[in-house]
Amino acid sequence: MSKITTIAFDYGGVLAYRINDSYLRHMAGAAGAPPERFAEALWRHRNGYDAGDLDAGTYWRMVVSEATGSDAVAGTAAGETIEVLKQLDSFAWATMNPGMMRWLSTLQQEGYRRVLISNMAAETYDMIIKNSLWLPRMERVILSGWLRVNKPDREIFLEAARQMEVDPGQMLFIDDLDHNVAGAQAAGLQSLQFSDAATLAAALKEQYPQIPRRGLEC
């Protein structure tokens, strides 16, 4: 097993908390749609949005149209609805996990390299990450919306290794979704599935005791 020099992070569900039901209900209310239908439409088309195949306006019009069962998503009122949905969506993904923020600082201090690998639309990045206080702690950002390829495709992981100029086996990737963890492993990275900071600390202690864990637990 190669020595880990680089820690690669997913964003939503790892560094930041995932969108929750409260936000989804408010977004559905803004769209005038039943919450369950809205959530289904939001996730059904999200891969296309995150990969850059759909721009923000097209994506949200598709979500609203499908969730409401109406094709009449046009005009000033509809434009305002889309703006509200974009804003709520950005707020929903912007609550950071404090343990992960502290650990990110620890890794920087201890000389570990750091890279973000996220399925995210370029416009979402501009709204919630581009000017964030923690972003300077990352050496690189690998974004599906820029590459036009989503995790778990192996190419996004190999691109991260190329940009960081490290062997894939020297990277430890952390993601909350099992298929992304498997995709990273298929590309030659080492990986751990994330649930919470304390569980990650325990997994590191068992499998990667050389990696500092300071900050993951209070």
Protein backbone atom coordinates (compact mmCIF):
# COMPACT_ATOMS: atom_id res chain seq x y z
CA MET A 1 0.00 0.00 0.00
CA SER A 2 1.43 3.38 -1.04
CA LYS A 3 2.12 6.06 1.52
CA ILE A 4 -0.67 8.63 1.60
CA THR A 5 0.53 12.12 0.71
CA THR A 6 -2.73 13.65 -0.51
CA ILE A 7 -6.24 13.76 0.94
CA ALA A 8 -9.06 14.20 -1.59
CA PHE A 9 -12.43 15.40 -0.37
CA ASP A 10 -15.95 15.26 -1.66
CA TYR A 11 -17.92 18.42 -0.90
CA GLY A 12 -21.62 17.81 -0.15
CA GLY A 13 -22.02 15.20 2.57
CA VAL A 14 -18.38 15.45 3.66
CA LEU A 15 -17.01 18.98 3.96
CA ALA A 16 -20.52 20.40 3.99
CA TYR A 17 -23.78 18.91 5.18
CA ARG A 18 -26.14 17.62 2.53
CA ILE A 19 -29.31 19.43 1.54
CA ASN A 20 -32.02 18.65 4.09
CA ASP A 21 -35.77 18.16 4.00
CA SER A 22 -36.50 21.65 5.31
CA TYR A 23 -34.77 23.25 2.33
CA LEU A 24 -36.43 20.83 -0.06
CA ARG A 25 -39.87 21.69 1.33
CA HIS A 26 -39.23 25.41 0.96
CA MET A 27 -37.91 24.93 -2.56
CA ALA A 28 -40.98 22.89 -3.45
CA GLY A 29 -43.16 25.64 -1.98
CA ALA A 30 -41.38 28.27 -4.08
CA ALA A 31 -41.99 26.15 -7.16
CA GLY A 32 -45.62 25.46 -6.26
CA ALA A 33 -45.02 21.72 -6.37
CA PRO A 34 -45.61 18.76 -4.02
CA PRO A 35 -42.40 18.16 -2.01
CA GLU A 36 -41.95 14.53 -3.06
CA ARG A 37 -42.39 15.28 -6.76
CA PHE A 38 -40.06 18.25 -6.49
CA ALA A 39 -37.32 16.21 -4.80
CA GLU A 40 -37.65 13.46 -7.39
CA ALA A 41 -37.32 15.95 -10.25
CA LEU A 42 -34.41 17.75 -8.58
CA TRP A 43 -32.35 14.57 -8.23
CA ARG A 44 -33.42 13.06 -11.55
CA HIS A 45 -31.79 15.86 -13.52
CA ARG A 46 -28.98 16.74 -11.13
CA ASN A 47 -26.29 14.70 -12.84
CA GLY A 48 -26.83 16.63 -16.06
CA TYR A 49 -26.60 19.93 -14.20
CA ASP A 50 -23.50 18.93 -12.23
CA ALA A 51 -21.77 17.66 -15.37
CA GLY A 52 -22.34 20.95 -17.19
CA ASP A 53 -24.72 19.44 -19.73
CA LEU A 54 -27.51 21.71 -18.46
CA ASP A 55 -27.12 25.36 -17.54
CA ALA A 56 -28.81 26.58 -14.37
CA GLY A 57 -31.82 28.09 -16.10
CA THR A 58 -32.52 24.97 -18.13
CA TYR A 59 -32.06 22.70 -15.15
CA TRP A 60 -34.43 24.59 -12.86
CA ARG A 61 -37.05 25.00 -15.59
CA MET A 62 -36.97 21.24 -16.14
CA VAL A 63 -37.30 20.59 -12.41
CA VAL A 64 -40.21 22.99 -11.97
CA SER A 65 -41.99 21.83 -15.11
CA GLU A 66 -41.72 18.17 -14.14
CA ALA A 67 -42.62 18.73 -10.49
CA THR A 68 -45.68 20.87 -11.25
CA GLY A 69 -46.79 19.00 -14.37
CA SER A 70 -46.85 22.27 -16.29
CA ASP A 71 -44.83 23.39 -19.30
CA ALA A 72 -45.65 27.05 -18.67
CA VAL A 73 -42.36 27.94 -16.97
CA ALA A 74 -41.74 31.32 -18.53
CA GLY A 75 -42.15 35.02 -17.90
CA THR A 76 -41.04 37.34 -15.10
CA ALA A 77 -42.67 35.35 -12.29
CA ALA A 78 -41.06 32.12 -13.45
CA GLY A 79 -37.70 33.90 -13.71
CA GLU A 80 -38.01 35.05 -10.12
CA THR A 81 -38.94 31.52 -9.03
CA ILE A 82 -35.80 30.17 -10.67
CA GLU A 83 -33.67 32.80 -8.92
CA VAL A 84 -35.18 31.86 -5.57
CA LEU A 85 -34.54 28.17 -6.23
CA LYS A 86 -30.93 28.85 -7.19
CA GLN A 87 -30.39 30.84 -4.01
CA LEU A 88 -32.06 28.30 -1.74
CA ASP A 89 -30.06 25.53 -3.38
CA SER A 90 -26.81 27.37 -2.74
CA PHE A 91 -27.75 28.08 0.89
CA ALA A 92 -28.68 24.43 1.39
CA TRP A 93 -25.19 23.22 0.49
CA ALA A 94 -23.26 25.91 2.35
CA THR A 95 -23.35 24.67 5.96
CA MET A 96 -19.88 23.36 6.69
CA ASN A 97 -19.00 20.42 8.94
CA PRO A 98 -16.90 21.96 11.75
CA GLY A 99 -14.92 18.79 12.43
CA MET A 100 -13.92 18.52 8.79
CA MET A 101 -12.94 22.20 8.69
CA ARG A 102 -10.68 21.70 11.71
CA TRP A 103 -9.17 18.55 10.21
CA LEU A 104 -8.51 20.34 6.94
CA SER A 105 -6.46 22.86 8.91
CA THR A 106 -4.60 20.04 10.66
CA LEU A 107 -3.70 18.39 7.37
CA GLN A 108 -2.38 21.65 5.98
CA GLN A 109 -0.25 22.22 9.07
CA GLU A 110 1.11 18.66 8.92
CA GLY A 111 2.12 18.95 5.27
CA TYR A 112 -0.55 16.76 3.67
CA ARG A 113 -1.74 17.90 0.27
CA ARG A 114 -5.45 18.65 -0.19
CA VAL A 115 -7.76 18.51 -3.20
CA LEU A 116 -11.52 18.84 -3.65
CA ILE A 117 -13.24 16.44 -6.07
CA SER A 118 -16.91 17.34 -6.41
CA ASN A 119 -19.90 16.72 -8.62
CA MET A 120 -21.03 20.31 -8.90
CA ALA A 121 -22.19 22.75 -11.56
CA ALA A 122 -19.81 25.63 -12.28
CA GLU A 123 -22.49 28.16 -11.32
CA THR A 124 -23.02 26.44 -7.96
CA TYR A 125 -19.28 26.63 -7.31
CA ASP A 126 -19.31 30.35 -8.06
CA MET A 127 -22.17 30.93 -5.61
CA ILE A 128 -21.05 28.87 -2.62
CA ILE A 129 -17.34 28.01 -2.82
CA LYS A 130 -15.43 30.50 -4.94
CA ASN A 131 -15.16 33.15 -2.21
CA SER A 132 -15.37 30.88 0.84
CA LEU A 133 -12.98 31.33 3.75
CA TRP A 134 -11.84 27.70 3.69
CA LEU A 135 -11.07 27.42 -0.04
CA PRO A 136 -7.43 28.64 0.29
CA ARG A 137 -6.76 25.46 2.30
CA MET A 138 -7.31 23.46 -0.90
CA GLU A 139 -4.50 23.21 -3.42
CA ARG A 140 -6.78 22.20 -6.28
CA VAL A 141 -10.46 21.95 -7.11
CA ILE A 142 -11.59 19.24 -9.52
CA LEU A 143 -15.15 19.99 -10.57
CA SER A 144 -17.47 17.85 -12.69
CA GLY A 145 -19.00 20.98 -14.17
CA TRP A 146 -15.61 22.03 -15.51
CA LEU A 147 -14.54 18.60 -16.76
CA ARG A 148 -18.02 17.59 -17.95
CA VAL A 149 -17.70 14.22 -16.24
CA ASN A 150 -19.23 13.15 -12.92
CA LYS A 151 -18.00 10.83 -10.23
CA PRO A 152 -17.81 7.85 -10.16
CA ASP A 153 -16.24 8.01 -13.64
CA ARG A 154 -12.57 7.13 -13.20
CA GLU A 155 -11.45 10.05 -15.37
CA ILE A 156 -12.34 12.65 -12.73
CA PHE A 157 -10.13 10.86 -10.21
CA LEU A 158 -7.26 10.43 -12.64
CA GLU A 159 -7.48 14.10 -13.54
CA ALA A 160 -7.15 14.95 -9.84
CA ALA A 161 -4.00 12.81 -9.63
CA ARG A 162 -2.58 14.46 -12.76
CA GLN A 163 -3.21 17.96 -11.47
CA MET A 164 -1.74 17.14 -8.06
CA GLU A 165 1.19 15.37 -9.78
CA VAL A 166 0.92 12.31 -7.55
CA ASP A 167 0.37 8.63 -8.12
CA PRO A 168 -3.33 7.74 -7.65
CA GLY A 169 -2.34 5.25 -4.95
CA GLN A 170 -0.92 8.10 -2.86
CA MET A 171 -4.34 9.72 -2.61
CA LEU A 172 -6.94 8.96 0.05
CA PHE A 173 -10.41 9.92 -1.20
CA ILE A 174 -13.27 10.54 1.22
CA ASP A 175 -16.89 10.52 0.01
CA ASP A 176 -20.24 9.77 1.61
CA LEU A 177 -21.59 7.76 -1.34
CA ASP A 178 -20.52 4.15 -1.78
CA HIS A 179 -20.52 4.23 -5.60
CA ASN A 180 -18.10 7.18 -5.59
CA VAL A 181 -15.85 5.38 -3.11
CA ALA A 182 -15.89 2.35 -5.43
CA GLY A 183 -15.16 4.55 -8.44
CA ALA A 184 -12.13 6.03 -6.72
CA GLN A 185 -10.85 2.56 -5.85
CA ALA A 186 -11.30 1.46 -9.46
CA ALA A 187 -9.13 4.41 -10.52
CA GLY A 188 -6.38 3.30 -8.15
CA LEU A 189 -7.04 5.65 -5.24
CA GLN A 190 -7.38 4.56 -1.65
CA SER A 191 -10.72 5.60 -0.19
CA LEU A 192 -13.00 5.71 2.82
CA GLN A 193 -16.75 6.16 2.99
CA PHE A 194 -17.78 9.06 5.21
CA SER A 195 -20.70 9.18 7.62
CA ASP A 196 -19.53 11.61 10.29
CA ALA A 197 -16.29 13.07 11.61
CA ALA A 198 -16.03 10.78 14.65
CA THR A 199 -16.47 7.63 12.54
CA LEU A 200 -13.86 8.90 10.10
CA ALA A 201 -11.44 9.45 12.99
CA ALA A 202 -11.96 5.84 14.10
CA ALA A 203 -11.40 4.51 10.56
CA LEU A 204 -8.22 6.54 10.19
CA LYS A 205 -6.92 5.30 13.53
CA GLU A 206 -7.48 1.70 12.44
CA GLN A 207 -6.43 1.85 8.79
CA TYR A 208 -4.20 4.92 8.47
CA PRO A 209 -2.75 5.60 11.93
CA GLN A 210 0.02 7.77 10.48
CA ILE A 211 -2.49 10.39 9.29
CA PRO A 212 -3.19 13.00 11.98
CA ARG A 213 -6.77 13.13 13.23
CA ARG A 214 -6.72 16.31 15.29
CA GLY A 215 -9.94 18.28 14.91
CA LEU A 216 -12.20 15.45 13.85
CA GLU A 217 -13.52 15.08 17.38
CA CYS A 218 -14.31 17.75 19.96
